[in-house]
Structure formats: C-alpha cells, structure tokens
N, C-alpha and C. Protein backbone atom coordinates (compact mmCIF):
# COMPACT_ATOMS: atom_id res chain seq x y z
N MET A 1 87.37 77.83 85.44
CA MET A 1 87.91 78.79 86.40
C MET A 1 87.53 78.41 87.82
N ARG A 2 86.22 78.06 88.00
CA ARG A 2 85.77 77.70 89.35
C ARG A 2 86.48 76.42 89.83
N SER A 3 86.62 75.46 88.93
CA SER A 3 87.28 74.21 89.31
C SER A 3 88.72 74.43 89.72
N SER A 4 89.43 75.27 88.96
CA SER A 4 90.83 75.53 89.29
C SER A 4 90.96 76.25 90.61
N ALA A 5 90.00 77.14 90.91
CA ALA A 5 90.04 77.84 92.19
C ALA A 5 89.84 76.86 93.35
N VAL A 6 88.89 75.94 93.19
CA VAL A 6 88.62 74.96 94.24
C VAL A 6 89.81 74.03 94.44
N VAL A 7 90.36 73.53 93.32
CA VAL A 7 91.48 72.59 93.41
C VAL A 7 92.70 73.25 94.03
N SER A 8 93.04 74.44 93.54
CA SER A 8 94.23 75.12 94.07
C SER A 8 94.04 75.48 95.53
N GLY A 9 92.85 75.90 95.91
CA GLY A 9 92.60 76.22 97.32
C GLY A 9 92.69 75.00 98.20
N ALA A 10 92.13 73.89 97.72
CA ALA A 10 92.17 72.65 98.51
C ALA A 10 93.59 72.15 98.68
N LEU A 11 94.38 72.21 97.62
CA LEU A 11 95.78 71.77 97.71
C LEU A 11 96.59 72.68 98.64
N ALA A 12 96.30 73.99 98.60
CA ALA A 12 96.99 74.91 99.51
C ALA A 12 96.67 74.60 100.96
N VAL A 13 95.40 74.30 101.25
CA VAL A 13 95.00 73.94 102.61
C VAL A 13 95.67 72.64 103.03
N LEU A 14 95.74 71.68 102.10
CA LEU A 14 96.40 70.41 102.41
C LEU A 14 97.87 70.64 102.76
N LEU A 15 98.56 71.46 101.98
CA LEU A 15 99.95 71.78 102.28
C LEU A 15 100.08 72.46 103.64
N LEU A 16 99.16 73.37 103.91
CA LEU A 16 99.17 74.05 105.21
C LEU A 16 99.09 73.05 106.35
N VAL A 17 98.19 72.10 106.24
CA VAL A 17 98.02 71.11 107.29
C VAL A 17 99.28 70.25 107.43
N LEU A 18 99.82 69.81 106.30
CA LEU A 18 101.02 68.95 106.34
C LEU A 18 102.21 69.68 106.95
N VAL A 19 102.35 70.96 106.62
CA VAL A 19 103.44 71.74 107.20
C VAL A 19 103.20 71.96 108.69
N ALA A 20 101.95 72.28 109.05
CA ALA A 20 101.64 72.56 110.45
C ALA A 20 101.88 71.35 111.34
N VAL A 21 101.57 70.14 110.84
CA VAL A 21 101.75 68.94 111.66
C VAL A 21 103.15 68.35 111.51
N GLY A 22 103.95 68.91 110.60
CA GLY A 22 105.31 68.43 110.40
C GLY A 22 105.37 67.05 109.77
N TRP A 23 104.62 66.84 108.69
CA TRP A 23 104.59 65.53 108.04
C TRP A 23 105.99 65.17 107.54
N PRO A 24 106.59 64.10 108.04
CA PRO A 24 107.99 63.78 107.74
C PRO A 24 108.35 63.69 106.26
N PRO A 25 107.55 63.00 105.41
CA PRO A 25 107.94 62.93 103.99
C PRO A 25 108.06 64.30 103.33
N LEU A 26 107.15 65.23 103.66
CA LEU A 26 107.21 66.56 103.08
C LEU A 26 108.43 67.32 103.59
N LEU A 27 108.68 67.24 104.89
CA LEU A 27 109.83 67.93 105.45
C LEU A 27 111.14 67.37 104.89
N SER A 28 111.16 66.05 104.67
CA SER A 28 112.36 65.43 104.10
C SER A 28 112.59 65.90 102.67
N LEU A 29 111.52 65.98 101.89
CA LEU A 29 111.63 66.49 100.52
C LEU A 29 112.11 67.93 100.52
N ASP A 30 111.53 68.75 101.37
CA ASP A 30 111.95 70.14 101.48
C ASP A 30 113.44 70.25 101.79
N ARG A 31 113.90 69.47 102.73
CA ARG A 31 115.29 69.52 103.15
C ARG A 31 116.23 69.05 102.05
N SER A 32 115.88 67.97 101.37
CA SER A 32 116.76 67.45 100.32
C SER A 32 116.88 68.42 99.16
N VAL A 33 115.76 69.04 98.77
CA VAL A 33 115.80 70.03 97.69
C VAL A 33 116.61 71.25 98.12
N ALA A 34 116.38 71.72 99.32
CA ALA A 34 117.10 72.90 99.83
C ALA A 34 118.59 72.64 99.90
N ASP A 35 118.99 71.48 100.39
CA ASP A 35 120.41 71.16 100.52
C ASP A 35 121.09 71.13 99.15
N ALA A 36 120.44 70.47 98.19
CA ALA A 36 121.04 70.34 96.87
C ALA A 36 121.19 71.70 96.20
N LEU A 37 120.17 72.54 96.28
CA LEU A 37 120.24 73.85 95.64
C LEU A 37 121.21 74.78 96.35
N HIS A 38 121.30 74.66 97.67
CA HIS A 38 122.24 75.52 98.39
C HIS A 38 123.68 75.20 98.03
N ARG A 39 123.98 73.92 97.87
CA ARG A 39 125.34 73.56 97.45
C ARG A 39 125.67 74.18 96.09
N SER A 40 124.69 74.15 95.20
CA SER A 40 124.90 74.77 93.88
C SER A 40 125.07 76.28 94.01
N ALA A 41 124.26 76.92 94.86
CA ALA A 41 124.33 78.37 95.02
C ALA A 41 125.68 78.81 95.56
N VAL A 42 126.22 78.04 96.49
CA VAL A 42 127.53 78.37 97.06
C VAL A 42 128.62 78.17 96.02
N ALA A 43 128.49 77.14 95.20
CA ALA A 43 129.53 76.81 94.23
C ALA A 43 129.49 77.70 92.99
N GLU A 44 128.35 78.36 92.73
CA GLU A 44 128.19 79.17 91.52
C GLU A 44 127.81 80.60 91.89
N PRO A 45 128.76 81.41 92.37
CA PRO A 45 128.42 82.77 92.84
C PRO A 45 127.86 83.67 91.74
N GLY A 46 128.31 83.51 90.51
CA GLY A 46 127.79 84.34 89.42
C GLY A 46 126.32 84.07 89.17
N PHE A 47 125.95 82.81 89.09
CA PHE A 47 124.56 82.43 88.88
C PHE A 47 123.72 82.82 90.09
N THR A 48 124.30 82.71 91.26
CA THR A 48 123.58 83.10 92.48
C THR A 48 123.27 84.59 92.46
N GLN A 49 124.22 85.40 92.03
CA GLN A 49 123.99 86.84 91.96
C GLN A 49 122.88 87.17 90.96
N LEU A 50 122.85 86.46 89.84
CA LEU A 50 121.76 86.66 88.88
C LEU A 50 120.42 86.34 89.52
N ASN A 51 120.36 85.27 90.27
CA ASN A 51 119.12 84.91 90.95
C ASN A 51 118.71 85.97 91.98
N ARG A 52 119.69 86.57 92.64
CA ARG A 52 119.37 87.62 93.61
C ARG A 52 118.79 88.84 92.90
N ILE A 53 119.34 89.19 91.76
CA ILE A 53 118.81 90.33 91.00
C ILE A 53 117.37 90.05 90.56
N LEU A 54 117.15 88.85 90.04
CA LEU A 54 115.80 88.49 89.60
C LEU A 54 114.82 88.48 90.76
N SER A 55 115.24 87.91 91.89
CA SER A 55 114.36 87.77 93.04
C SER A 55 114.09 89.09 93.74
N ASP A 56 115.15 89.91 93.90
CA ASP A 56 115.04 91.12 94.70
C ASP A 56 114.62 92.35 93.91
N TRP A 57 114.69 92.28 92.58
CA TRP A 57 114.36 93.45 91.77
C TRP A 57 113.34 93.14 90.68
N VAL A 58 113.67 92.24 89.78
CA VAL A 58 112.79 92.00 88.63
C VAL A 58 111.46 91.41 89.06
N TRP A 59 111.48 90.39 89.93
CA TRP A 59 110.25 89.71 90.34
C TRP A 59 109.90 89.97 91.80
N ASP A 60 110.44 91.01 92.37
CA ASP A 60 110.14 91.35 93.76
C ASP A 60 108.65 91.68 93.91
N PRO A 61 108.03 91.37 95.07
CA PRO A 61 106.62 91.72 95.26
C PRO A 61 106.31 93.19 95.01
N TRP A 62 107.24 94.09 95.33
CA TRP A 62 106.97 95.50 95.08
C TRP A 62 106.97 95.83 93.59
N THR A 63 107.75 95.07 92.81
CA THR A 63 107.67 95.23 91.36
C THR A 63 106.30 94.80 90.85
N MET A 64 105.81 93.68 91.36
CA MET A 64 104.48 93.20 90.97
C MET A 64 103.40 94.18 91.40
N ARG A 65 103.55 94.74 92.60
CA ARG A 65 102.56 95.71 93.07
C ARG A 65 102.60 96.98 92.24
N ALA A 66 103.79 97.35 91.77
CA ALA A 66 103.90 98.53 90.91
C ALA A 66 103.17 98.30 89.59
N LEU A 67 103.28 97.10 89.04
CA LEU A 67 102.55 96.78 87.81
C LEU A 67 101.05 96.83 88.05
N ILE A 68 100.61 96.30 89.19
CA ILE A 68 99.19 96.38 89.54
C ILE A 68 98.76 97.84 89.67
N ALA A 69 99.60 98.67 90.28
CA ALA A 69 99.27 100.09 90.44
C ALA A 69 99.12 100.78 89.09
N VAL A 70 100.00 100.45 88.15
CA VAL A 70 99.90 101.03 86.80
C VAL A 70 98.58 100.62 86.16
N ALA A 71 98.22 99.35 86.30
CA ALA A 71 96.96 98.87 85.73
C ALA A 71 95.77 99.57 86.38
N VAL A 72 95.82 99.73 87.70
CA VAL A 72 94.72 100.37 88.42
C VAL A 72 94.56 101.83 87.99
N VAL A 73 95.67 102.56 87.90
CA VAL A 73 95.61 103.96 87.49
C VAL A 73 95.06 104.07 86.06
N THR A 74 95.50 103.18 85.19
CA THR A 74 95.02 103.20 83.81
C THR A 74 93.53 102.91 83.74
N LEU A 75 93.09 101.91 84.50
CA LEU A 75 91.66 101.60 84.54
C LEU A 75 90.86 102.78 85.08
N TRP A 76 91.37 103.42 86.11
CA TRP A 76 90.67 104.57 86.67
C TRP A 76 90.56 105.70 85.65
N TRP A 77 91.65 105.94 84.95
CA TRP A 77 91.66 107.00 83.92
C TRP A 77 90.68 106.68 82.79
N ARG A 78 90.50 105.40 82.48
CA ARG A 78 89.57 104.97 81.44
C ARG A 78 88.14 104.83 81.97
N ARG A 79 87.92 105.27 83.20
CA ARG A 79 86.61 105.21 83.86
C ARG A 79 86.14 103.78 84.12
N GLU A 80 87.06 102.84 84.19
CA GLU A 80 86.75 101.48 84.61
C GLU A 80 87.00 101.39 86.11
N ARG A 81 86.31 102.24 86.87
CA ARG A 81 86.66 102.43 88.27
C ARG A 81 86.23 101.27 89.16
N ARG A 82 85.14 100.65 88.83
CA ARG A 82 84.74 99.50 89.63
C ARG A 82 85.77 98.38 89.53
N LEU A 83 86.25 98.13 88.34
CA LEU A 83 87.28 97.10 88.16
C LEU A 83 88.59 97.52 88.83
N ALA A 84 88.93 98.80 88.75
CA ALA A 84 90.15 99.29 89.40
C ALA A 84 90.09 99.02 90.90
N VAL A 85 88.97 99.34 91.52
CA VAL A 85 88.81 99.10 92.96
C VAL A 85 88.85 97.60 93.25
N TRP A 86 88.25 96.82 92.38
CA TRP A 86 88.22 95.36 92.57
C TRP A 86 89.64 94.80 92.60
N VAL A 87 90.49 95.26 91.68
CA VAL A 87 91.87 94.78 91.62
C VAL A 87 92.63 95.20 92.88
N VAL A 88 92.41 96.42 93.34
CA VAL A 88 93.07 96.88 94.56
C VAL A 88 92.65 96.03 95.74
N VAL A 89 91.35 95.79 95.87
CA VAL A 89 90.85 94.99 97.00
C VAL A 89 91.41 93.57 96.95
N ALA A 90 91.45 92.98 95.75
CA ALA A 90 92.00 91.63 95.62
C ALA A 90 93.45 91.58 96.07
N SER A 91 94.22 92.59 95.71
CA SER A 91 95.63 92.64 96.11
C SER A 91 95.79 92.80 97.61
N LEU A 92 94.94 93.65 98.21
CA LEU A 92 95.01 93.85 99.65
C LEU A 92 94.59 92.59 100.42
N VAL A 93 93.55 91.93 99.92
CA VAL A 93 93.11 90.68 100.56
C VAL A 93 94.21 89.64 100.51
N ALA A 94 94.87 89.54 99.35
CA ALA A 94 95.96 88.58 99.20
C ALA A 94 97.09 88.87 100.18
N ALA A 95 97.43 90.15 100.33
CA ALA A 95 98.48 90.52 101.29
C ALA A 95 98.07 90.15 102.72
N GLY A 96 96.80 90.37 103.04
CA GLY A 96 96.32 90.01 104.36
C GLY A 96 96.34 88.51 104.61
N VAL A 97 95.92 87.74 103.60
CA VAL A 97 95.95 86.28 103.72
C VAL A 97 97.39 85.79 103.91
N GLN A 98 98.29 86.34 103.13
CA GLN A 98 99.70 85.96 103.22
C GLN A 98 100.26 86.21 104.61
N GLN A 99 100.08 87.42 105.12
CA GLN A 99 100.63 87.74 106.43
C GLN A 99 99.94 86.98 107.54
N GLY A 100 98.64 86.76 107.40
CA GLY A 100 97.92 86.00 108.42
C GLY A 100 98.40 84.56 108.50
N MET A 101 98.64 83.94 107.34
CA MET A 101 99.11 82.57 107.33
C MET A 101 100.54 82.47 107.86
N LYS A 102 101.37 83.45 107.51
CA LYS A 102 102.74 83.45 108.03
C LYS A 102 102.72 83.49 109.56
N ALA A 103 101.88 84.37 110.10
CA ALA A 103 101.81 84.50 111.55
C ALA A 103 101.22 83.24 112.20
N ALA A 104 100.22 82.64 111.55
CA ALA A 104 99.57 81.47 112.13
C ALA A 104 100.47 80.24 112.11
N VAL A 105 101.19 80.03 111.01
CA VAL A 105 102.03 78.84 110.89
C VAL A 105 103.37 79.05 111.59
N GLY A 106 103.96 80.23 111.42
CA GLY A 106 105.22 80.54 112.08
C GLY A 106 106.37 79.64 111.70
N ARG A 107 106.41 79.24 110.46
CA ARG A 107 107.45 78.30 110.03
C ARG A 107 108.79 79.01 109.85
N GLY A 108 109.84 78.40 110.35
CA GLY A 108 111.17 78.96 110.21
C GLY A 108 111.72 78.76 108.80
N ARG A 109 112.58 79.66 108.39
CA ARG A 109 113.23 79.54 107.08
C ARG A 109 114.43 78.59 107.19
N PRO A 110 114.92 78.12 106.04
CA PRO A 110 116.14 77.30 106.08
C PRO A 110 117.29 78.07 106.72
N GLY A 111 118.10 77.38 107.49
CA GLY A 111 119.25 78.00 108.12
C GLY A 111 120.54 77.43 107.56
N TRP A 112 121.52 78.31 107.29
CA TRP A 112 122.76 77.87 106.67
C TRP A 112 123.96 78.50 107.39
N PRO A 113 125.05 77.75 107.50
CA PRO A 113 126.27 78.36 108.05
C PRO A 113 126.92 79.34 107.08
N ASP A 114 126.59 79.20 105.80
CA ASP A 114 127.16 80.06 104.76
C ASP A 114 126.05 80.56 103.84
N PRO A 115 125.11 81.37 104.35
CA PRO A 115 123.97 81.80 103.53
C PRO A 115 124.40 82.67 102.35
N VAL A 116 123.62 82.59 101.26
CA VAL A 116 123.89 83.43 100.09
C VAL A 116 122.88 84.56 99.99
N ASP A 117 121.84 84.52 100.82
CA ASP A 117 120.84 85.58 100.85
C ASP A 117 120.12 85.51 102.19
N SER A 118 119.29 86.48 102.47
CA SER A 118 118.55 86.48 103.73
C SER A 118 117.15 87.02 103.48
N ALA A 119 116.25 86.71 104.39
CA ALA A 119 114.87 87.19 104.30
C ALA A 119 114.28 87.26 105.70
N ARG A 120 113.30 88.11 105.86
CA ARG A 120 112.67 88.29 107.17
C ARG A 120 111.31 87.60 107.21
N TYR A 121 110.74 87.56 108.39
CA TYR A 121 109.40 87.03 108.64
C TYR A 121 109.37 85.51 108.45
N ALA A 122 108.22 84.93 108.72
CA ALA A 122 108.06 83.49 108.64
C ALA A 122 108.07 83.02 107.18
N ALA A 123 108.26 81.74 107.00
CA ALA A 123 108.50 81.21 105.65
C ALA A 123 107.24 80.84 104.88
N PHE A 124 106.23 80.34 105.56
CA PHE A 124 105.07 79.75 104.87
C PHE A 124 103.87 80.68 104.90
N PRO A 125 103.31 81.01 103.71
CA PRO A 125 103.74 80.67 102.35
C PRO A 125 104.73 81.71 101.83
N SER A 126 105.31 81.44 100.66
CA SER A 126 106.22 82.41 100.05
C SER A 126 105.44 83.62 99.56
N GLY A 127 105.79 84.79 100.09
CA GLY A 127 105.13 86.01 99.64
C GLY A 127 105.48 86.36 98.20
N HIS A 128 106.72 86.08 97.81
CA HIS A 128 107.11 86.33 96.42
C HIS A 128 106.27 85.50 95.45
N ALA A 129 106.13 84.20 95.75
CA ALA A 129 105.37 83.32 94.86
C ALA A 129 103.90 83.68 94.84
N LEU A 130 103.34 83.96 96.01
CA LEU A 130 101.91 84.31 96.08
C LEU A 130 101.63 85.60 95.32
N THR A 131 102.45 86.61 95.56
CA THR A 131 102.21 87.91 94.92
C THR A 131 102.38 87.82 93.41
N ALA A 132 103.36 87.05 92.95
CA ALA A 132 103.57 86.91 91.51
C ALA A 132 102.40 86.19 90.85
N ALA A 133 101.93 85.09 91.45
CA ALA A 133 100.82 84.35 90.88
C ALA A 133 99.55 85.18 90.85
N LEU A 134 99.26 85.88 91.95
CA LEU A 134 98.07 86.72 92.00
C LEU A 134 98.17 87.87 91.00
N SER A 135 99.28 88.59 91.01
CA SER A 135 99.42 89.77 90.17
C SER A 135 99.40 89.42 88.69
N CYS A 136 100.12 88.38 88.31
CA CYS A 136 100.14 88.00 86.90
C CYS A 136 98.77 87.50 86.46
N GLY A 137 98.09 86.76 87.32
CA GLY A 137 96.74 86.31 86.98
C GLY A 137 95.79 87.47 86.77
N LEU A 138 95.81 88.45 87.66
CA LEU A 138 94.94 89.61 87.53
C LEU A 138 95.30 90.45 86.31
N LEU A 139 96.60 90.64 86.07
CA LEU A 139 97.02 91.46 84.94
C LEU A 139 96.64 90.81 83.61
N LEU A 140 96.81 89.51 83.49
CA LEU A 140 96.42 88.82 82.27
C LEU A 140 94.92 88.94 82.04
N TRP A 141 94.15 88.82 83.10
CA TRP A 141 92.69 88.95 82.99
C TRP A 141 92.29 90.35 82.54
N VAL A 142 92.87 91.36 83.17
CA VAL A 142 92.54 92.74 82.81
C VAL A 142 92.92 93.04 81.37
N LEU A 143 94.08 92.58 80.96
CA LEU A 143 94.51 92.80 79.57
C LEU A 143 93.56 92.14 78.59
N ALA A 144 93.18 90.90 78.86
CA ALA A 144 92.28 90.19 77.96
C ALA A 144 90.90 90.80 77.92
N LEU A 145 90.50 91.38 79.03
CA LEU A 145 89.14 91.90 79.16
C LEU A 145 88.97 93.28 78.55
N HIS A 146 89.95 94.13 78.71
CA HIS A 146 89.79 95.54 78.34
C HIS A 146 90.75 96.05 77.29
N TRP A 147 91.74 95.27 76.95
CA TRP A 147 92.66 95.68 75.89
C TRP A 147 92.77 94.56 74.86
N PRO A 148 91.71 94.32 74.08
CA PRO A 148 91.72 93.19 73.15
C PRO A 148 92.83 93.27 72.10
N ASP A 149 93.31 94.47 71.79
CA ASP A 149 94.38 94.59 70.80
C ASP A 149 95.67 93.94 71.27
N VAL A 150 95.82 93.79 72.59
CA VAL A 150 97.03 93.18 73.14
C VAL A 150 97.12 91.71 72.73
N ARG A 151 96.00 91.12 72.34
CA ARG A 151 95.99 89.70 72.02
C ARG A 151 96.90 89.35 70.85
N ARG A 152 97.28 90.35 70.07
CA ARG A 152 98.22 90.08 68.98
C ARG A 152 99.55 89.58 69.51
N GLY A 153 99.91 90.05 70.69
CA GLY A 153 101.15 89.58 71.32
C GLY A 153 100.86 88.74 72.55
N TRP A 154 99.69 88.10 72.55
CA TRP A 154 99.24 87.39 73.74
C TRP A 154 100.19 86.27 74.15
N SER A 155 100.71 85.54 73.17
CA SER A 155 101.60 84.42 73.50
C SER A 155 102.82 84.90 74.27
N LEU A 156 103.42 86.00 73.81
CA LEU A 156 104.59 86.54 74.49
C LEU A 156 104.25 87.01 75.90
N ILE A 157 103.11 87.67 76.04
CA ILE A 157 102.70 88.17 77.36
C ILE A 157 102.44 87.01 78.31
N ALA A 158 101.74 85.99 77.82
CA ALA A 158 101.42 84.84 78.67
C ALA A 158 102.69 84.10 79.08
N VAL A 159 103.61 83.92 78.14
CA VAL A 159 104.87 83.23 78.47
C VAL A 159 105.66 84.03 79.49
N THR A 160 105.68 85.36 79.33
CA THR A 160 106.39 86.21 80.28
C THR A 160 105.80 86.06 81.68
N ALA A 161 104.46 86.00 81.76
CA ALA A 161 103.81 85.84 83.06
C ALA A 161 104.15 84.50 83.69
N VAL A 162 104.08 83.44 82.90
CA VAL A 162 104.36 82.10 83.43
C VAL A 162 105.81 82.00 83.89
N VAL A 163 106.73 82.51 83.07
CA VAL A 163 108.15 82.48 83.43
C VAL A 163 108.39 83.27 84.72
N SER A 164 107.70 84.39 84.86
CA SER A 164 107.87 85.21 86.07
C SER A 164 107.39 84.48 87.32
N VAL A 165 106.22 83.85 87.21
CA VAL A 165 105.67 83.14 88.37
C VAL A 165 106.55 81.96 88.75
N LEU A 166 106.91 81.14 87.76
CA LEU A 166 107.76 79.99 88.06
C LEU A 166 109.17 80.42 88.45
N GLY A 167 109.67 81.45 87.77
CA GLY A 167 111.04 81.89 88.01
C GLY A 167 111.24 82.44 89.40
N VAL A 168 110.29 83.22 89.90
CA VAL A 168 110.49 83.79 91.23
C VAL A 168 110.45 82.69 92.29
N GLY A 169 109.63 81.66 92.06
CA GLY A 169 109.62 80.55 93.00
C GLY A 169 110.96 79.82 93.02
N TRP A 170 111.52 79.63 91.84
CA TRP A 170 112.84 78.99 91.74
C TRP A 170 113.89 79.79 92.51
N THR A 171 113.89 81.11 92.33
CA THR A 171 114.93 81.92 92.97
C THR A 171 114.84 81.85 94.48
N ARG A 172 113.64 81.77 95.02
CA ARG A 172 113.50 81.77 96.48
C ARG A 172 114.04 80.48 97.09
N VAL A 173 113.82 79.37 96.39
CA VAL A 173 114.37 78.10 96.89
C VAL A 173 115.86 78.03 96.62
N TYR A 174 116.29 78.46 95.45
CA TYR A 174 117.71 78.41 95.10
C TYR A 174 118.55 79.26 96.04
N LEU A 175 118.03 80.40 96.43
CA LEU A 175 118.77 81.29 97.33
C LEU A 175 118.69 80.84 98.79
N GLY A 176 117.96 79.80 99.04
CA GLY A 176 117.95 79.23 100.39
C GLY A 176 117.13 80.00 101.41
N VAL A 177 116.15 80.77 100.96
CA VAL A 177 115.33 81.54 101.90
C VAL A 177 113.91 80.98 102.03
N HIS A 178 113.62 79.94 101.26
CA HIS A 178 112.31 79.29 101.35
C HIS A 178 112.46 77.80 101.11
N TRP A 179 111.55 77.04 101.72
CA TRP A 179 111.40 75.63 101.41
C TRP A 179 110.55 75.49 100.15
N LEU A 180 110.70 74.37 99.48
CA LEU A 180 109.92 74.12 98.26
C LEU A 180 108.42 74.22 98.52
N SER A 181 107.96 73.64 99.63
CA SER A 181 106.53 73.67 99.92
C SER A 181 106.02 75.09 100.19
N ASP A 182 106.87 75.98 100.69
CA ASP A 182 106.47 77.39 100.85
C ASP A 182 106.10 77.99 99.50
N VAL A 183 106.94 77.72 98.51
CA VAL A 183 106.74 78.29 97.17
C VAL A 183 105.51 77.69 96.50
N VAL A 184 105.36 76.37 96.59
CA VAL A 184 104.20 75.73 95.97
C VAL A 184 102.91 76.25 96.60
N ALA A 185 102.90 76.41 97.92
CA ALA A 185 101.73 76.96 98.59
C ALA A 185 101.46 78.39 98.13
N GLY A 186 102.51 79.18 97.94
CA GLY A 186 102.34 80.55 97.44
C GLY A 186 101.72 80.58 96.06
N TRP A 187 102.21 79.71 95.18
CA TRP A 187 101.62 79.63 93.84
C TRP A 187 100.14 79.27 93.90
N LEU A 188 99.83 78.24 94.68
CA LEU A 188 98.45 77.76 94.77
C LEU A 188 97.52 78.84 95.35
N LEU A 189 97.95 79.47 96.41
CA LEU A 189 97.13 80.50 97.04
C LEU A 189 96.96 81.71 96.13
N GLY A 190 98.06 82.11 95.47
CA GLY A 190 97.98 83.26 94.58
C GLY A 190 97.00 83.04 93.46
N TRP A 191 97.07 81.86 92.83
CA TRP A 191 96.14 81.60 91.74
C TRP A 191 94.71 81.46 92.27
N CYS A 192 94.54 80.79 93.42
CA CYS A 192 93.19 80.64 93.98
C CYS A 192 92.55 82.00 94.24
N LEU A 193 93.30 82.92 94.83
CA LEU A 193 92.76 84.25 95.12
C LEU A 193 92.48 85.03 93.85
N ALA A 194 93.34 84.89 92.84
CA ALA A 194 93.09 85.57 91.56
C ALA A 194 91.83 85.01 90.91
N ALA A 195 91.69 83.69 90.91
CA ALA A 195 90.53 83.06 90.29
C ALA A 195 89.24 83.46 91.01
N VAL A 196 89.27 83.46 92.33
CA VAL A 196 88.09 83.86 93.10
C VAL A 196 87.73 85.31 92.80
N SER A 197 88.72 86.17 92.67
CA SER A 197 88.46 87.58 92.35
C SER A 197 87.79 87.71 90.99
N ILE A 198 88.29 86.96 90.02
CA ILE A 198 87.72 87.03 88.67
C ILE A 198 86.28 86.49 88.67
N ILE A 199 86.08 85.36 89.33
CA ILE A 199 84.74 84.76 89.37
C ILE A 199 83.74 85.70 90.03
N THR A 200 84.11 86.29 91.17
CA THR A 200 83.18 87.16 91.88
C THR A 200 82.93 88.45 91.11
N TYR A 201 83.94 88.93 90.39
CA TYR A 201 83.70 90.14 89.59
C TYR A 201 82.73 89.85 88.46
N ARG A 202 82.89 88.72 87.81
CA ARG A 202 81.97 88.36 86.73
C ARG A 202 80.54 88.24 87.22
N ARG A 203 80.39 87.76 88.46
CA ARG A 203 79.04 87.54 88.98
C ARG A 203 78.44 88.79 89.60
N TYR A 204 79.25 89.55 90.33
CA TYR A 204 78.70 90.67 91.10
C TYR A 204 79.23 92.04 90.69
N GLY A 205 80.40 92.08 90.09
CA GLY A 205 81.05 93.36 89.89
C GLY A 205 80.63 94.12 88.66
N HIS A 206 80.07 93.42 87.66
CA HIS A 206 79.71 94.12 86.43
C HIS A 206 78.39 93.60 85.89
N GLY A 207 77.39 93.71 86.72
CA GLY A 207 76.05 93.33 86.28
C GLY A 207 75.87 91.84 86.06
N GLY A 208 76.75 91.04 86.68
CA GLY A 208 76.57 89.60 86.59
C GLY A 208 77.18 88.96 85.38
N GLY A 209 77.88 89.71 84.55
CA GLY A 209 78.46 89.12 83.36
C GLY A 209 79.80 89.69 83.05
N ARG A 210 80.36 89.22 81.96
CA ARG A 210 81.68 89.66 81.53
C ARG A 210 81.58 91.07 80.98
N ALA A 211 82.50 91.93 81.41
CA ALA A 211 82.46 93.31 80.98
C ALA A 211 82.83 93.42 79.52
N ALA A 212 82.11 94.25 78.80
CA ALA A 212 82.46 94.49 77.41
C ALA A 212 83.51 95.58 77.34
N PRO A 213 84.46 95.48 76.41
CA PRO A 213 85.46 96.52 76.27
C PRO A 213 84.81 97.85 75.94
N PRO A 214 85.43 98.98 76.33
CA PRO A 214 84.84 100.29 76.11
C PRO A 214 84.49 100.56 74.65
N ASP A 215 85.35 100.15 73.68
CA ASP A 215 85.05 100.43 72.29
C ASP A 215 83.83 99.65 71.83
N GLN A 216 83.63 98.44 72.40
CA GLN A 216 82.45 97.67 72.06
C GLN A 216 81.21 98.33 72.63
N ASP A 217 81.32 98.91 73.84
CA ASP A 217 80.19 99.64 74.41
C ASP A 217 79.80 100.80 73.52
N ARG A 218 80.79 101.54 73.00
CA ARG A 218 80.49 102.69 72.16
C ARG A 218 79.79 102.26 70.87
N ARG A 219 80.22 101.13 70.29
CA ARG A 219 79.58 100.67 69.07
C ARG A 219 78.12 100.30 69.34
N ARG A 220 77.88 99.66 70.48
CA ARG A 220 76.51 99.30 70.81
C ARG A 220 75.64 100.54 71.00
N MET A 221 76.20 101.57 71.65
CA MET A 221 75.46 102.81 71.85
C MET A 221 75.11 103.46 70.51
N GLY A 222 76.09 103.41 69.57
CA GLY A 222 75.84 104.00 68.26
C GLY A 222 74.75 103.26 67.52
N GLU A 223 74.74 101.93 67.63
CA GLU A 223 73.71 101.16 66.96
C GLU A 223 72.33 101.47 67.56
N ALA A 224 72.31 101.67 68.88
CA ALA A 224 71.02 101.94 69.55
C ALA A 224 70.46 103.28 69.10
N GLN A 225 71.35 104.25 68.84
CA GLN A 225 70.87 105.56 68.42
C GLN A 225 70.34 105.51 66.98
C-alpha cells in the first residue's frame, strides 16, 4: 500500500511538471488521442450519447460523493464515527487538492469547432477521474474492513469499481473535454490520496492497527467475560 502511494504520487507529480512546462511529446500524444476520439464521437452520435449518460450521471463526481455519503451515514449509525469522519475528511482533502491543482496549472481543455460535450474550469487534473479513483478506493476499503460478508460478492464489487474508474476516464477523453494526461493524473492522484488515507487511518485512526469488525469485537468481549 505504501509503495503504491509513493509511486502513484511521484508519477502524478511528474505529469504535473511535464504538463506545466509543455513537454512536446506529451502534448503531441494528448492531441493525437483527442483528435482520433473526437472524430469517432462526431461520427457515432448514439455511442456518444451513451458516453454522456455514463459521464454525467452514472459516474459523475456527485454520484460518487453520494455513495461516499451513504457509507458515511451507515458508519455513523453503526457507531464507527471515527472512520466516518476520516472518510469525509479524505474526500474534502481530495476536492481541495483537485481544485488547487486546477487553479495552479490553469490548463485549457481541448477546443473543437463541433463539440459533443462541454465542461467548465481548468482541465488538469480530471475531477471525474480523481473522484472516482478516490471514492472507489475508499469504498472498497470500508467494505472489506467492516462488512466481511460482502466478500462473497467481492469479485463483482471489485470489477464494478475498476470498470467505473477506467470507464469515467474513457468518457472524459472520448467526449473531448479532457486530455489523456488529465485523466491519468486524476487516476494517480485519486489512488494516492485514497492509499494515504488508508495508511494514516491504520496507523493513527484506530489505535495504530487495523480495525476489527463490530461482530468480531462483540465475540472478543464475550470471551473476556
């Protein structure tokens, strides 16, 4: 976990630097990918509309935040309040990092004479990609930590999370509102922030170790009595 956090963070910083200095090979790759996908989006309006639905509704950042809110409320109701607050803080920090980087880099979005979608604010990093990676990472962790029964369908849940993270990145580039490097940076930053949140919670948030599920705590209490 620590290694993946370091690697993803370092790669995100590297992308930030390359974008900020306008490294020609990266900009050329971004442009070639954007041009090819935009031609497809214009030529395939039905598929483009599907991508808009997925991007603007199914995998929208507010959809991800709603899932986080459900998890937080459930944790609070189960008296896992420290973890609930931790998840909220991680999400807020991620939003702050995202907006701060957008303002600092100020990268323009792709421009088209015949756009198929539109988006506001600066391009780097992709907020959709960052929010999806962070939210899915946190949700998978919370499920594994406190709802062990969910593991029976773990493969389906994990695949759904991976498809959502990769899929939302695809839609943003396909719809012509982000460069490829914006999306990759969003993925890297989202996972880095999720991993750092998990690592710090394990060390400081629950007595320095992995939290035991509530039913396991009750069994231990019964044995002690």
